[in-house]
Amino acid sequence: MTITVDIGDADLSELLAQVEAGEEIILMRNGVSVAKLAAVPSSESKKELIDTILRERSGRKPVSQAEIAEWKQIGRR
């Protein structure tokens, strides 16, 4: 959702309720985006995400610098 906010028009309680429901809100001034309201992930969901990343990475072999350089060359073709 994108809204243009006039100081007198802002209903922060309603905006926060929408953010809590999962919506991201872009605030604009004079047609220019100046801020984004978005929910802050809970610390539990951050921990779950970190655990998932570490679990996925643990099963993979390390990538060498030579492999990275080769992939860069392939991407430039």
PDB file of N, CA and C in Angstrom:
ATOM      1  N   MET A   1       0.856  -1.169   0.000  1.00  0.00           N
ATOM      2  CA  MET A   1       0.000   0.000   0.000  1.00  0.00           C
ATOM      3  C   MET A   1       0.898   1.227   0.000  1.00  0.00           C
ATOM      4  N   THR A   2       0.545   2.232  -0.747  1.00  0.00           N
ATOM      5  CA  THR A   2       1.245   3.504  -0.766  1.00  0.00           C
ATOM      6  C   THR A   2       0.247   4.592  -0.418  1.00  0.00           C
ATOM      7  N   ILE A   3       0.624   5.446   0.532  1.00  0.00           N
ATOM      8  CA  ILE A   3      -0.273   6.534   0.919  1.00  0.00           C
ATOM      9  C   ILE A   3       0.493   7.840   0.990  1.00  0.00           C
ATOM     10  N   THR A   4      -0.210   8.934   0.768  1.00  0.00           N
ATOM     11  CA  THR A   4       0.344  10.261   0.976  1.00  0.00           C
ATOM     12  C   THR A   4      -0.220  10.753   2.296  1.00  0.00           C
ATOM     13  N   VAL A   5       0.658  11.137   3.197  1.00  0.00           N
ATOM     14  CA  VAL A   5       0.228  11.498   4.542  1.00  0.00           C
ATOM     15  C   VAL A   5       0.248  13.004   4.726  1.00  0.00           C
ATOM     16  N   ASP A   6      -0.854  13.517   5.184  1.00  0.00           N
ATOM     17  CA  ASP A   6      -0.957  14.892   5.631  1.00  0.00           C
ATOM     18  C   ASP A   6      -0.921  14.791   7.155  1.00  0.00           C
ATOM     19  N   ILE A   7      -0.219  15.677   7.826  1.00  0.00           N
ATOM     20  CA  ILE A   7      -0.082  15.568   9.279  1.00  0.00           C
ATOM     21  C   ILE A   7      -1.425  15.323   9.955  1.00  0.00           C
ATOM     22  N   GLY A   8      -2.466  16.013   9.533  1.00  0.00           N
ATOM     23  CA  GLY A   8      -3.775  15.858  10.147  1.00  0.00           C
ATOM     24  C   GLY A   8      -4.491  14.581   9.750  1.00  0.00           C
ATOM     25  N   ASP A   9      -4.033  13.924   8.671  1.00  0.00           N
ATOM     26  CA  ASP A   9      -4.719  12.737   8.167  1.00  0.00           C
ATOM     27  C   ASP A   9      -4.217  11.436   8.786  1.00  0.00           C
ATOM     28  N   ALA A  10      -3.050  11.452   9.369  1.00  0.00           N
ATOM     29  CA  ALA A  10      -2.419  10.211   9.819  1.00  0.00           C
ATOM     30  C   ALA A  10      -3.179   9.603  10.995  1.00  0.00           C
ATOM     31  N   ASP A  11      -3.597   8.359  10.832  1.00  0.00           N
ATOM     32  CA  ASP A  11      -4.197   7.592  11.912  1.00  0.00           C
ATOM     33  C   ASP A  11      -3.230   6.453  12.203  1.00  0.00           C
ATOM     34  N   LEU A  12      -2.296   6.713  13.086  1.00  0.00           N
ATOM     35  CA  LEU A  12      -1.207   5.776  13.336  1.00  0.00           C
ATOM     36  C   LEU A  12      -1.718   4.423  13.820  1.00  0.00           C
ATOM     37  N   SER A  13      -2.749   4.419  14.636  1.00  0.00           N
ATOM     38  CA  SER A  13      -3.289   3.149  15.137  1.00  0.00           C
ATOM     39  C   SER A  13      -3.763   2.260  13.992  1.00  0.00           C
ATOM     40  N   GLU A  14      -4.453   2.852  13.025  1.00  0.00           N
ATOM     41  CA  GLU A  14      -4.943   2.088  11.881  1.00  0.00           C
ATOM     42  C   GLU A  14      -3.779   1.592  11.025  1.00  0.00           C
ATOM     43  N   LEU A  15      -2.789   2.447  10.803  1.00  0.00           N
ATOM     44  CA  LEU A  15      -1.625   2.039  10.012  1.00  0.00           C
ATOM     45  C   LEU A  15      -0.889   0.885  10.691  1.00  0.00           C
ATOM     46  N   LEU A  16      -0.710   0.974  11.999  1.00  0.00           N
ATOM     47  CA  LEU A  16      -0.019  -0.093  12.724  1.00  0.00           C
ATOM     48  C   LEU A  16      -0.814  -1.401  12.682  1.00  0.00           C
ATOM     49  N   ALA A  17      -2.125  -1.309  12.732  1.00  0.00           N
ATOM     50  CA  ALA A  17      -2.949  -2.514  12.630  1.00  0.00           C
ATOM     51  C   ALA A  17      -2.741  -3.182  11.274  1.00  0.00           C
ATOM     52  N   GLN A  18      -2.642  -2.386  10.221  1.00  0.00           N
ATOM     53  CA  GLN A  18      -2.411  -2.943   8.888  1.00  0.00           C
ATOM     54  C   GLN A  18      -1.028  -3.577   8.793  1.00  0.00           C
ATOM     55  N   VAL A  19      -0.040  -2.936   9.398  1.00  0.00           N
ATOM     56  CA  VAL A  19       1.323  -3.489   9.396  1.00  0.00           C
ATOM     57  C   VAL A  19       1.343  -4.808  10.161  1.00  0.00           C
ATOM     58  N   GLU A  20       0.674  -4.864  11.305  1.00  0.00           N
ATOM     59  CA  GLU A  20       0.615  -6.101  12.075  1.00  0.00           C
ATOM     60  C   GLU A  20      -0.070  -7.215  11.296  1.00  0.00           C
ATOM     61  N   ALA A  21      -0.968  -6.847  10.401  1.00  0.00           N
ATOM     62  CA  ALA A  21      -1.666  -7.835   9.571  1.00  0.00           C
ATOM     63  C   ALA A  21      -0.805  -8.297   8.399  1.00  0.00           C
ATOM     64  N   GLY A  22       0.410  -7.749   8.273  1.00  0.00           N
ATOM     65  CA  GLY A  22       1.336  -8.209   7.244  1.00  0.00           C
ATOM     66  C   GLY A  22       1.525  -7.263   6.073  1.00  0.00           C
ATOM     67  N   GLU A  23       0.877  -6.130   6.087  1.00  0.00           N
ATOM     68  CA  GLU A  23       0.993  -5.176   4.978  1.00  0.00           C
ATOM     69  C   GLU A  23       2.205  -4.264   5.188  1.00  0.00           C
ATOM     70  N   GLU A  24       2.892  -3.915   4.111  1.00  0.00           N
ATOM     71  CA  GLU A  24       3.935  -2.888   4.153  1.00  0.00           C
ATOM     72  C   GLU A  24       3.319  -1.600   3.640  1.00  0.00           C
ATOM     73  N   ILE A  25       3.627  -0.496   4.293  1.00  0.00           N
ATOM     74  CA  ILE A  25       3.037   0.787   3.924  1.00  0.00           C
ATOM     75  C   ILE A  25       4.146   1.769   3.580  1.00  0.00           C
ATOM     76  N   ILE A  26       4.066   2.380   2.403  1.00  0.00           N
ATOM     77  CA  ILE A  26       5.022   3.388   1.963  1.00  0.00           C
ATOM     78  C   ILE A  26       4.412   4.756   2.256  1.00  0.00           C
ATOM     79  N   LEU A  27       5.153   5.598   2.958  1.00  0.00           N
ATOM     80  CA  LEU A  27       4.705   6.961   3.244  1.00  0.00           C
ATOM     81  C   LEU A  27       5.366   7.906   2.249  1.00  0.00           C
ATOM     82  N   MET A  28       4.570   8.818   1.698  1.00  0.00           N
ATOM     83  CA  MET A  28       5.076   9.729   0.681  1.00  0.00           C
ATOM     84  C   MET A  28       4.853  11.173   1.091  1.00  0.00           C
ATOM     85  N   ARG A  29       5.753  12.031   0.647  1.00  0.00           N
ATOM     86  CA  ARG A  29       5.607  13.475   0.833  1.00  0.00           C
ATOM     87  C   ARG A  29       5.828  14.125  -0.518  1.00  0.00           C
ATOM     88  N   ASN A  30       4.859  14.880  -0.974  1.00  0.00           N
ATOM     89  CA  ASN A  30       4.943  15.566  -2.270  1.00  0.00           C
ATOM     90  C   ASN A  30       5.283  14.601  -3.406  1.00  0.00           C
ATOM     91  N   GLY A  31       4.684  13.413  -3.365  1.00  0.00           N
ATOM     92  CA  GLY A  31       4.883  12.442  -4.428  1.00  0.00           C
ATOM     93  C   GLY A  31       6.185  11.676  -4.359  1.00  0.00           C
ATOM     94  N   VAL A  32       6.948  11.848  -3.282  1.00  0.00           N
ATOM     95  CA  VAL A  32       8.235  11.170  -3.143  1.00  0.00           C
ATOM     96  C   VAL A  32       8.173  10.224  -1.941  1.00  0.00           C
ATOM     97  N   SER A  33       8.571   8.971  -2.148  1.00  0.00           N
ATOM     98  CA  SER A  33       8.601   8.005  -1.043  1.00  0.00           C
ATOM     99  C   SER A  33       9.645   8.437  -0.018  1.00  0.00           C
ATOM    100  N   VAL A  34       9.239   8.486   1.262  1.00  0.00           N
ATOM    101  CA  VAL A  34      10.177   8.911   2.305  1.00  0.00           C
ATOM    102  C   VAL A  34      10.349   7.882   3.417  1.00  0.00           C
ATOM    103  N   ALA A  35       9.410   6.951   3.557  1.00  0.00           N
ATOM    104  CA  ALA A  35       9.531   5.968   4.631  1.00  0.00           C
ATOM    105  C   ALA A  35       8.698   4.739   4.307  1.00  0.00           C
ATOM    106  N   LYS A  36       9.050   3.629   4.957  1.00  0.00           N
ATOM    107  CA  LYS A  36       8.290   2.400   4.808  1.00  0.00           C
ATOM    108  C   LYS A  36       7.988   1.862   6.198  1.00  0.00           C
ATOM    109  N   LEU A  37       6.717   1.544   6.434  1.00  0.00           N
ATOM    110  CA  LEU A  37       6.314   0.886   7.672  1.00  0.00           C
ATOM    111  C   LEU A  37       6.184  -0.600   7.368  1.00  0.00           C
ATOM    112  N   ALA A  38       6.883  -1.417   8.124  1.00  0.00           N
ATOM    113  CA  ALA A  38       6.826  -2.860   7.937  1.00  0.00           C
ATOM    114  C   ALA A  38       6.977  -3.532   9.289  1.00  0.00           C
ATOM    115  N   ALA A  39       6.403  -4.711   9.410  1.00  0.00           N
ATOM    116  CA  ALA A  39       6.489  -5.457  10.660  1.00  0.00           C
ATOM    117  C   ALA A  39       7.937  -5.863  10.931  1.00  0.00           C
ATOM    118  N   VAL A  40       8.284  -5.884  12.186  1.00  0.00           N
ATOM    119  CA  VAL A  40       9.600  -6.339  12.611  1.00  0.00           C
ATOM    120  C   VAL A  40       9.483  -7.836  12.898  1.00  0.00           C
ATOM    121  N   PRO A  41      10.325  -8.653  12.259  1.00  0.00           N
ATOM    122  CA  PRO A  41      10.251 -10.089  12.522  1.00  0.00           C
ATOM    123  C   PRO A  41      10.542 -10.376  13.992  1.00  0.00           C
ATOM    124  N   SER A  42       9.824 -11.334  14.526  1.00  0.00           N
ATOM    125  CA  SER A  42      10.074 -11.694  15.919  1.00  0.00           C
ATOM    126  C   SER A  42      11.450 -12.322  16.039  1.00  0.00           C
ATOM    127  N   SER A  43      12.035 -12.240  17.210  1.00  0.00           N
ATOM    128  CA  SER A  43      13.370 -12.814  17.407  1.00  0.00           C
ATOM    129  C   SER A  43      13.336 -14.319  17.200  1.00  0.00           C
ATOM    130  N   GLU A  44      12.199 -14.958  17.479  1.00  0.00           N
ATOM    131  CA  GLU A  44      12.076 -16.397  17.263  1.00  0.00           C
ATOM    132  C   GLU A  44      12.152 -16.725  15.773  1.00  0.00           C
ATOM    133  N   SER A  45      11.480 -15.941  14.925  1.00  0.00           N
ATOM    134  CA  SER A  45      11.538 -16.226  13.498  1.00  0.00           C
ATOM    135  C   SER A  45      12.934 -15.946  12.942  1.00  0.00           C
ATOM    136  N   LYS A  46      13.636 -14.956  13.510  1.00  0.00           N
ATOM    137  CA  LYS A  46      15.020 -14.705  13.086  1.00  0.00           C
ATOM    138  C   LYS A  46      15.891 -15.901  13.443  1.00  0.00           C
ATOM    139  N   LYS A  47      15.716 -16.431  14.650  1.00  0.00           N
ATOM    140  CA  LYS A  47      16.507 -17.593  15.080  1.00  0.00           C
ATOM    141  C   LYS A  47      16.219 -18.786  14.186  1.00  0.00           C
ATOM    142  N   GLU A  48      14.953 -19.008  13.852  1.00  0.00           N
ATOM    143  CA  GLU A  48      14.596 -20.113  12.967  1.00  0.00           C
ATOM    144  C   GLU A  48      15.248 -19.949  11.602  1.00  0.00           C
ATOM    145  N   LEU A  49      15.257 -18.729  11.087  1.00  0.00           N
ATOM    146  CA  LEU A  49      15.871 -18.467   9.789  1.00  0.00           C
ATOM    147  C   LEU A  49      17.376 -18.740   9.835  1.00  0.00           C
ATOM    148  N   ILE A  50      18.037 -18.264  10.877  1.00  0.00           N
ATOM    149  CA  ILE A  50      19.480 -18.500  11.017  1.00  0.00           C
ATOM    150  C   ILE A  50      19.763 -19.991  11.114  1.00  0.00           C
ATOM    151  N   ASP A  51      18.959 -20.704  11.919  1.00  0.00           N
ATOM    152  CA  ASP A  51      19.149 -22.153  12.053  1.00  0.00           C
ATOM    153  C   ASP A  51      18.965 -22.861  10.714  1.00  0.00           C
ATOM    154  N   THR A  52      17.982 -22.444   9.929  1.00  0.00           N
ATOM    155  CA  THR A  52      17.742 -23.045   8.616  1.00  0.00           C
ATOM    156  C   THR A  52      18.924 -22.806   7.687  1.00  0.00           C
ATOM    157  N   ILE A  53      19.435 -21.569   7.684  1.00  0.00           N
ATOM    158  CA  ILE A  53      20.588 -21.243   6.828  1.00  0.00           C
ATOM    159  C   ILE A  53      21.796 -22.077   7.223  1.00  0.00           C
ATOM    160  N   LEU A  54      22.076 -22.161   8.513  1.00  0.00           N
ATOM    161  CA  LEU A  54      23.231 -22.939   8.978  1.00  0.00           C
ATOM    162  C   LEU A  54      23.068 -24.415   8.655  1.00  0.00           C
ATOM    163  N   ARG A  55      21.868 -24.950   8.799  1.00  0.00           N
ATOM    164  CA  ARG A  55      21.603 -26.357   8.492  1.00  0.00           C
ATOM    165  C   ARG A  55      21.822 -26.615   6.999  1.00  0.00           C
ATOM    166  N   GLU A  56      21.332 -25.724   6.142  1.00  0.00           N
ATOM    167  CA  GLU A  56      21.504 -25.884   4.693  1.00  0.00           C
ATOM    168  C   GLU A  56      22.977 -25.800   4.294  1.00  0.00           C
ATOM    169  N   ARG A  57      23.692 -24.861   4.900  1.00  0.00           N
ATOM    170  CA  ARG A  57      25.102 -24.677   4.546  1.00  0.00           C
ATOM    171  C   ARG A  57      25.970 -25.829   5.027  1.00  0.00           C
ATOM    172  N   SER A  58      25.575 -26.474   6.121  1.00  0.00           N
ATOM    173  CA  SER A  58      26.416 -27.527   6.687  1.00  0.00           C
ATOM    174  C   SER A  58      26.535 -28.734   5.772  1.00  0.00           C
ATOM    175  N   GLY A  59      25.549 -28.955   4.906  1.00  0.00           N
ATOM    176  CA  GLY A  59      25.584 -30.111   4.026  1.00  0.00           C
ATOM    177  C   GLY A  59      26.284 -29.871   2.703  1.00  0.00           C
ATOM    178  N   ARG A  60      26.840 -28.699   2.512  1.00  0.00           N
ATOM    179  CA  ARG A  60      27.462 -28.375   1.226  1.00  0.00           C
ATOM    180  C   ARG A  60      28.974 -28.264   1.370  1.00  0.00           C
ATOM    181  N   LYS A  61      29.664 -28.608   0.279  1.00  0.00           N
ATOM    182  CA  LYS A  61      31.118 -28.470   0.306  1.00  0.00           C
ATOM    183  C   LYS A  61      31.482 -27.002   0.114  1.00  0.00           C
ATOM    184  N   PRO A  62      32.591 -26.571   0.695  1.00  0.00           N
ATOM    185  CA  PRO A  62      33.015 -25.176   0.523  1.00  0.00           C
ATOM    186  C   PRO A  62      33.306 -24.871  -0.937  1.00  0.00           C
ATOM    187  N   VAL A  63      33.101 -23.624  -1.325  1.00  0.00           N
ATOM    188  CA  VAL A  63      33.364 -23.175  -2.690  1.00  0.00           C
ATOM    189  C   VAL A  63      34.748 -22.529  -2.714  1.00  0.00           C
ATOM    190  N   SER A  64      35.544 -22.901  -3.706  1.00  0.00           N
ATOM    191  CA  SER A  64      36.898 -22.347  -3.811  1.00  0.00           C
ATOM    192  C   SER A  64      36.882 -21.006  -4.539  1.00  0.00           C
ATOM    193  N   GLN A  65      37.944 -20.239  -4.359  1.00  0.00           N
ATOM    194  CA  GLN A  65      38.091 -18.971  -5.067  1.00  0.00           C
ATOM    195  C   GLN A  65      38.148 -19.202  -6.577  1.00  0.00           C
ATOM    196  N   ALA A  66      38.752 -20.307  -6.989  1.00  0.00           N
ATOM    197  CA  ALA A  66      38.837 -20.622  -8.420  1.00  0.00           C
ATOM    198  C   ALA A  66      37.440 -20.853  -9.005  1.00  0.00           C
ATOM    199  N   GLU A  67      36.569 -21.539  -8.262  1.00  0.00           N
ATOM    200  CA  GLU A  67      35.205 -21.768  -8.747  1.00  0.00           C
ATOM    201  C   GLU A  67      34.443 -20.454  -8.880  1.00  0.00           C
ATOM    202  N   ILE A  68      34.609 -19.577  -7.908  1.00  0.00           N
ATOM    203  CA  ILE A  68      33.941 -18.275  -7.963  1.00  0.00           C
ATOM    204  C   ILE A  68      34.417 -17.486  -9.173  1.00  0.00           C
ATOM    205  N   ALA A  69      35.739 -17.482  -9.410  1.00  0.00           N
ATOM    206  CA  ALA A  69      36.304 -16.769 -10.564  1.00  0.00           C
ATOM    207  C   ALA A  69      35.764 -17.350 -11.870  1.00  0.00           C
ATOM    208  N   GLU A  70      35.652 -18.687 -11.936  1.00  0.00           N
ATOM    209  CA  GLU A  70      35.112 -19.330 -13.141  1.00  0.00           C
ATOM    210  C   GLU A  70      33.657 -18.918 -13.374  1.00  0.00           C
ATOM    211  N   TRP A  71      32.851 -18.889 -12.318  1.00  0.00           N
ATOM    212  CA  TRP A  71      31.447 -18.488 -12.440  1.00  0.00           C
ATOM    213  C   TRP A  71      31.324 -17.050 -12.920  1.00  0.00           C
ATOM    214  N   LYS A  72      32.225 -16.192 -12.450  1.00  0.00           N
ATOM    215  CA  LYS A  72      32.207 -14.796 -12.895  1.00  0.00           C
ATOM    216  C   LYS A  72      32.477 -14.725 -14.391  1.00  0.00           C
ATOM    217  N   GLN A  73      33.449 -15.497 -14.860  1.00  0.00           N
ATOM    218  CA  GLN A  73      33.779 -15.501 -16.275  1.00  0.00           C
ATOM    219  C   GLN A  73      32.612 -16.017 -17.113  1.00  0.00           C
ATOM    220  N   ILE A  74      31.962 -17.052 -16.625  1.00  0.00           N
ATOM    221  CA  ILE A  74      30.792 -17.606 -17.332  1.00  0.00           C
ATOM    222  C   ILE A  74      29.700 -16.542 -17.429  1.00  0.00           C
ATOM    223  N   GLY A  75      29.490 -15.785 -16.360  1.00  0.00           N
ATOM    224  CA  GLY A  75      28.464 -14.750 -16.338  1.00  0.00           C
ATOM    225  C   GLY A  75      28.766 -13.577 -17.261  1.00  0.00           C
ATOM    226  N   ARG A  76      30.029 -13.380 -17.592  1.00  0.00           N
ATOM    227  CA  ARG A  76      30.413 -12.255 -18.452  1.00  0.00           C
ATOM    228  C   ARG A  76      30.299 -12.595 -19.925  1.00  0.00           C
ATOM    229  N   ARG A  77      30.055 -13.836 -20.254  1.00  0.00           N
ATOM    230  CA  ARG A  77      29.985 -14.247 -21.666  1.00  0.00           C
ATOM    231  C   ARG A  77      28.712 -13.836 -22.298  1.00  0.00           C
TER     232      ARG A  77
END
